[in-house]
N, C-alpha and C. Protein backbone atom coordinates (compact mmCIF):
# COMPACT_ATOMS: atom_id res chain seq x y z
N MET A 1 13.69 3.32 -4.46
CA MET A 1 13.56 2.52 -3.28
C MET A 1 12.85 1.21 -3.58
N PHE A 2 11.66 1.27 -4.20
CA PHE A 2 10.95 0.05 -4.53
C PHE A 2 11.25 -0.36 -5.96
N ASP A 3 11.56 -1.64 -6.13
CA ASP A 3 11.67 -2.20 -7.48
C ASP A 3 10.41 -3.03 -7.72
N ARG A 4 10.34 -3.64 -8.88
CA ARG A 4 9.14 -4.42 -9.23
C ARG A 4 8.88 -5.54 -8.21
N ASP A 5 9.93 -6.22 -7.78
CA ASP A 5 9.75 -7.31 -6.81
C ASP A 5 9.18 -6.79 -5.49
N ALA A 6 9.67 -5.63 -5.04
CA ALA A 6 9.16 -5.06 -3.79
C ALA A 6 7.70 -4.67 -3.94
N ILE A 7 7.34 -4.07 -5.07
CA ILE A 7 5.94 -3.68 -5.31
C ILE A 7 5.05 -4.92 -5.31
N ASN A 8 5.50 -5.98 -5.96
CA ASN A 8 4.71 -7.22 -5.99
C ASN A 8 4.57 -7.82 -4.60
N ARG A 9 5.64 -7.79 -3.82
CA ARG A 9 5.58 -8.33 -2.46
C ARG A 9 4.64 -7.48 -1.60
N LEU A 10 4.72 -6.16 -1.75
CA LEU A 10 3.82 -5.28 -1.01
C LEU A 10 2.36 -5.57 -1.36
N ARG A 11 2.10 -5.84 -2.63
CA ARG A 11 0.72 -6.15 -3.06
C ARG A 11 0.19 -7.36 -2.29
N THR A 12 1.01 -8.37 -2.16
CA THR A 12 0.62 -9.59 -1.43
C THR A 12 0.39 -9.29 0.05
N ILE A 13 1.30 -8.54 0.64
CA ILE A 13 1.18 -8.19 2.06
C ILE A 13 -0.08 -7.36 2.30
N PHE A 14 -0.29 -6.35 1.45
CA PHE A 14 -1.45 -5.49 1.62
C PHE A 14 -2.76 -6.27 1.47
N ALA A 15 -2.81 -7.20 0.53
CA ALA A 15 -4.02 -8.01 0.34
C ALA A 15 -4.33 -8.81 1.60
N LYS A 16 -3.30 -9.36 2.22
CA LYS A 16 -3.49 -10.16 3.45
C LYS A 16 -3.97 -9.28 4.59
N VAL A 17 -3.35 -8.12 4.76
CA VAL A 17 -3.76 -7.20 5.83
C VAL A 17 -5.21 -6.77 5.60
N CYS A 18 -5.56 -6.44 4.37
CA CYS A 18 -6.94 -6.05 4.07
C CYS A 18 -7.91 -7.17 4.44
N ALA A 19 -7.57 -8.39 4.08
CA ALA A 19 -8.44 -9.53 4.41
C ALA A 19 -8.64 -9.65 5.92
N ASP A 20 -7.58 -9.37 6.69
CA ASP A 20 -7.70 -9.41 8.15
C ASP A 20 -8.69 -8.38 8.68
N PHE A 21 -8.90 -7.32 7.93
CA PHE A 21 -9.85 -6.26 8.30
C PHE A 21 -11.21 -6.43 7.60
N GLU A 22 -11.41 -7.58 6.97
CA GLU A 22 -12.62 -7.83 6.18
C GLU A 22 -12.76 -6.79 5.07
N ALA A 23 -11.63 -6.38 4.56
CA ALA A 23 -11.58 -5.42 3.46
C ALA A 23 -11.01 -6.14 2.24
N GLN A 24 -11.04 -5.48 1.10
CA GLN A 24 -10.52 -6.08 -0.13
C GLN A 24 -9.62 -5.08 -0.83
N LEU A 25 -8.42 -5.53 -1.18
CA LEU A 25 -7.52 -4.72 -1.98
C LEU A 25 -7.98 -4.85 -3.43
N ILE A 26 -8.53 -3.78 -3.98
CA ILE A 26 -9.07 -3.80 -5.33
C ILE A 26 -7.97 -3.59 -6.36
N GLU A 27 -7.09 -2.64 -6.07
CA GLU A 27 -5.99 -2.31 -6.99
C GLU A 27 -4.84 -1.75 -6.17
N MET A 28 -3.62 -2.01 -6.62
CA MET A 28 -2.45 -1.48 -5.95
C MET A 28 -1.34 -1.37 -6.96
N ASP A 29 -0.64 -0.28 -6.95
CA ASP A 29 0.59 -0.12 -7.73
C ASP A 29 1.39 0.99 -7.08
N GLY A 30 2.58 1.18 -7.57
CA GLY A 30 3.40 2.21 -6.97
C GLY A 30 4.55 2.59 -7.87
N GLU A 31 5.31 3.53 -7.40
CA GLU A 31 6.51 3.96 -8.07
C GLU A 31 7.68 3.69 -7.13
N ASP A 32 8.83 4.25 -7.44
CA ASP A 32 9.99 3.90 -6.63
C ASP A 32 9.92 4.45 -5.21
N ASP A 33 9.05 5.43 -4.95
CA ASP A 33 9.03 6.03 -3.62
C ASP A 33 7.65 6.14 -2.97
N HIS A 34 6.63 5.56 -3.58
CA HIS A 34 5.31 5.59 -2.97
C HIS A 34 4.40 4.56 -3.63
N VAL A 35 3.27 4.31 -2.96
CA VAL A 35 2.29 3.37 -3.50
C VAL A 35 0.90 4.00 -3.44
N HIS A 36 0.01 3.47 -4.27
CA HIS A 36 -1.41 3.83 -4.26
C HIS A 36 -2.20 2.54 -4.08
N LEU A 37 -3.18 2.60 -3.21
CA LEU A 37 -4.04 1.45 -2.97
C LEU A 37 -5.48 1.87 -3.14
N LEU A 38 -6.25 1.01 -3.74
CA LEU A 38 -7.70 1.17 -3.81
C LEU A 38 -8.28 0.03 -2.97
N VAL A 39 -8.91 0.39 -1.87
CA VAL A 39 -9.37 -0.60 -0.90
C VAL A 39 -10.86 -0.41 -0.67
N GLU A 40 -11.57 -1.51 -0.70
CA GLU A 40 -12.98 -1.51 -0.30
C GLU A 40 -13.02 -2.07 1.12
N TYR A 41 -13.57 -1.28 2.03
CA TYR A 41 -13.57 -1.70 3.43
C TYR A 41 -14.94 -1.45 4.05
N PRO A 42 -15.28 -2.24 5.06
CA PRO A 42 -16.59 -2.07 5.69
C PRO A 42 -16.62 -0.81 6.55
N PRO A 43 -17.80 -0.25 6.75
CA PRO A 43 -17.92 0.99 7.53
C PRO A 43 -17.39 0.89 8.96
N LYS A 44 -17.36 -0.31 9.50
CA LYS A 44 -16.90 -0.46 10.89
C LYS A 44 -15.38 -0.29 11.02
N VAL A 45 -14.65 -0.28 9.92
CA VAL A 45 -13.18 -0.17 9.96
C VAL A 45 -12.78 1.30 9.94
N ALA A 46 -11.97 1.69 10.91
CA ALA A 46 -11.40 3.04 10.91
C ALA A 46 -10.23 3.06 9.92
N VAL A 47 -10.26 3.99 9.00
CA VAL A 47 -9.21 4.07 7.98
C VAL A 47 -7.83 4.19 8.63
N SER A 48 -7.73 4.96 9.70
CA SER A 48 -6.42 5.13 10.35
C SER A 48 -5.89 3.80 10.88
N ASN A 49 -6.76 2.95 11.42
CA ASN A 49 -6.32 1.64 11.90
C ASN A 49 -5.84 0.76 10.75
N LEU A 50 -6.58 0.79 9.65
CA LEU A 50 -6.19 0.00 8.48
C LEU A 50 -4.85 0.47 7.94
N VAL A 51 -4.69 1.77 7.77
CA VAL A 51 -3.44 2.32 7.23
C VAL A 51 -2.27 1.99 8.16
N ASN A 52 -2.46 2.17 9.46
CA ASN A 52 -1.37 1.86 10.40
C ASN A 52 -0.97 0.40 10.32
N SER A 53 -1.93 -0.48 10.16
CA SER A 53 -1.62 -1.90 10.03
C SER A 53 -0.92 -2.20 8.70
N LEU A 54 -1.41 -1.61 7.62
CA LEU A 54 -0.77 -1.80 6.31
C LEU A 54 0.70 -1.36 6.37
N LYS A 55 0.95 -0.21 6.97
CA LYS A 55 2.31 0.30 7.06
C LYS A 55 3.17 -0.56 7.99
N GLY A 56 2.64 -0.88 9.16
CA GLY A 56 3.42 -1.62 10.15
C GLY A 56 3.79 -3.02 9.68
N VAL A 57 2.81 -3.75 9.18
CA VAL A 57 3.06 -5.13 8.74
C VAL A 57 4.02 -5.14 7.55
N SER A 58 3.78 -4.28 6.58
CA SER A 58 4.64 -4.27 5.39
C SER A 58 6.06 -3.86 5.75
N SER A 59 6.22 -2.92 6.65
CA SER A 59 7.55 -2.49 7.06
C SER A 59 8.30 -3.63 7.75
N ARG A 60 7.63 -4.30 8.66
CA ARG A 60 8.28 -5.42 9.37
C ARG A 60 8.68 -6.54 8.42
N LEU A 61 7.78 -6.91 7.53
CA LEU A 61 8.07 -8.02 6.63
C LEU A 61 9.15 -7.67 5.61
N LEU A 62 9.09 -6.48 5.04
CA LEU A 62 10.12 -6.10 4.07
C LEU A 62 11.48 -5.96 4.73
N ARG A 63 11.50 -5.47 5.96
CA ARG A 63 12.76 -5.33 6.69
C ARG A 63 13.45 -6.70 6.81
N LYS A 64 12.64 -7.74 7.06
CA LYS A 64 13.19 -9.10 7.18
C LYS A 64 13.59 -9.68 5.83
N GLU A 65 12.70 -9.51 4.85
CA GLU A 65 12.87 -10.18 3.56
C GLU A 65 13.80 -9.44 2.60
N ARG A 66 13.87 -8.14 2.71
CA ARG A 66 14.65 -7.32 1.78
C ARG A 66 15.57 -6.37 2.54
N PRO A 67 16.62 -6.89 3.15
CA PRO A 67 17.51 -6.01 3.92
C PRO A 67 18.14 -4.91 3.06
N ASP A 68 18.20 -5.12 1.75
CA ASP A 68 18.76 -4.10 0.86
C ASP A 68 17.92 -2.82 0.85
N ILE A 69 16.65 -2.93 1.13
CA ILE A 69 15.76 -1.77 1.13
C ILE A 69 15.96 -0.93 2.40
N GLN A 70 16.42 -1.55 3.48
CA GLN A 70 16.56 -0.84 4.75
C GLN A 70 17.43 0.40 4.64
N LYS A 71 18.46 0.35 3.83
CA LYS A 71 19.37 1.50 3.74
C LYS A 71 18.66 2.72 3.12
N ARG A 72 17.53 2.48 2.50
CA ARG A 72 16.77 3.58 1.88
C ARG A 72 15.60 4.02 2.73
N TYR A 73 15.46 3.44 3.91
CA TYR A 73 14.35 3.81 4.78
C TYR A 73 14.42 5.30 5.12
N TRP A 74 13.27 5.90 5.30
CA TRP A 74 13.14 7.30 5.64
C TRP A 74 13.25 7.44 7.15
N LYS A 75 14.34 8.04 7.63
CA LYS A 75 14.57 8.20 9.07
C LYS A 75 14.39 6.87 9.82
N GLY A 76 14.90 5.80 9.24
CA GLY A 76 14.83 4.49 9.86
C GLY A 76 13.50 3.77 9.68
N ALA A 77 12.60 4.35 8.90
CA ALA A 77 11.28 3.73 8.69
C ALA A 77 11.00 3.59 7.20
N LEU A 78 10.27 2.55 6.85
CA LEU A 78 9.91 2.35 5.45
C LEU A 78 8.95 3.44 4.97
N TRP A 79 8.00 3.79 5.81
CA TRP A 79 6.98 4.76 5.42
C TRP A 79 7.12 6.04 6.22
N SER A 80 6.79 7.16 5.60
CA SER A 80 6.70 8.41 6.34
C SER A 80 5.47 8.30 7.24
N PRO A 81 5.38 9.13 8.27
CA PRO A 81 4.23 9.02 9.16
C PRO A 81 2.92 9.52 8.53
N SER A 82 3.01 10.18 7.41
CA SER A 82 1.80 10.73 6.80
C SER A 82 1.24 9.79 5.73
N TYR A 83 -0.01 10.05 5.36
CA TYR A 83 -0.65 9.33 4.27
C TYR A 83 -1.82 10.17 3.77
N PHE A 84 -2.28 9.84 2.60
CA PHE A 84 -3.45 10.50 2.04
C PHE A 84 -4.52 9.43 1.84
N ALA A 85 -5.70 9.70 2.35
CA ALA A 85 -6.82 8.79 2.16
C ALA A 85 -8.01 9.61 1.68
N SER A 86 -8.74 9.04 0.76
CA SER A 86 -9.91 9.72 0.22
C SER A 86 -10.96 8.68 -0.11
N SER A 87 -12.19 9.03 0.15
CA SER A 87 -13.26 8.13 -0.27
C SER A 87 -13.64 8.48 -1.70
N CYS A 88 -14.12 7.51 -2.41
CA CYS A 88 -14.47 7.74 -3.81
C CYS A 88 -15.83 7.15 -4.12
N GLY A 89 -16.73 7.26 -3.16
CA GLY A 89 -18.06 6.72 -3.34
C GLY A 89 -18.78 7.26 -4.57
N GLY A 90 -18.48 8.51 -4.95
CA GLY A 90 -19.16 9.09 -6.09
C GLY A 90 -18.42 8.91 -7.40
N ALA A 91 -17.15 8.56 -7.35
CA ALA A 91 -16.35 8.40 -8.58
C ALA A 91 -16.51 6.98 -9.11
N PRO A 92 -16.58 6.85 -10.41
CA PRO A 92 -16.62 5.49 -10.97
C PRO A 92 -15.34 4.74 -10.61
N ILE A 93 -15.50 3.55 -10.10
CA ILE A 93 -14.35 2.76 -9.67
C ILE A 93 -13.38 2.53 -10.83
N SER A 94 -13.89 2.46 -12.04
CA SER A 94 -13.02 2.24 -13.20
C SER A 94 -12.04 3.39 -13.39
N ILE A 95 -12.44 4.62 -13.08
CA ILE A 95 -11.57 5.78 -13.21
C ILE A 95 -10.47 5.73 -12.15
N VAL A 96 -10.84 5.40 -10.92
CA VAL A 96 -9.86 5.31 -9.85
C VAL A 96 -8.87 4.18 -10.14
N ARG A 97 -9.38 3.04 -10.58
CA ARG A 97 -8.52 1.91 -10.92
C ARG A 97 -7.56 2.28 -12.04
N GLN A 98 -8.04 2.98 -13.05
CA GLN A 98 -7.20 3.39 -14.18
C GLN A 98 -6.06 4.29 -13.70
N TYR A 99 -6.36 5.22 -12.80
CA TYR A 99 -5.33 6.10 -12.27
C TYR A 99 -4.23 5.30 -11.58
N ILE A 100 -4.62 4.34 -10.76
CA ILE A 100 -3.64 3.53 -10.03
C ILE A 100 -2.84 2.66 -11.00
N GLU A 101 -3.50 2.09 -11.98
CA GLU A 101 -2.80 1.24 -12.96
C GLU A 101 -1.77 2.02 -13.75
N GLN A 102 -1.94 3.33 -13.89
CA GLN A 102 -1.04 4.14 -14.69
C GLN A 102 0.22 4.58 -13.93
N GLN A 103 0.40 4.11 -12.70
CA GLN A 103 1.62 4.43 -11.98
C GLN A 103 2.81 3.82 -12.72
N GLN A 104 3.92 4.48 -12.66
CA GLN A 104 5.11 4.03 -13.38
C GLN A 104 5.90 3.04 -12.53
N THR A 105 5.46 1.79 -12.54
CA THR A 105 6.11 0.75 -11.75
C THR A 105 7.57 0.63 -12.18
N PRO A 106 8.51 0.63 -11.21
CA PRO A 106 9.93 0.50 -11.55
C PRO A 106 10.24 -0.85 -12.21
N HIS A 107 11.29 -0.89 -12.96
CA HIS A 107 11.72 -2.12 -13.63
C HIS A 107 12.50 -3.00 -12.70
């Protein structure tokens, strides 16, 4: 579903959405069917609101910019309704970043 160009475009979109939430996209990568983001966000931000915005904005923009991806949407949507979020306050950020960097980005 995602090629390298789509992953790069998503990275830009996600960084902008994070900035709107006074958050910072630290690392992002993905594979052909999912993405991983490492985000530093202030305590006042509800993770669910951030995730919903990341999904909604990226879906709208990719739908416009990459109509070829639409045919691969899941039940008419770019993202499934689920997501996994975890805090990593105790884990060294370098380990989390390394995990995300090791995703097999499509060619």
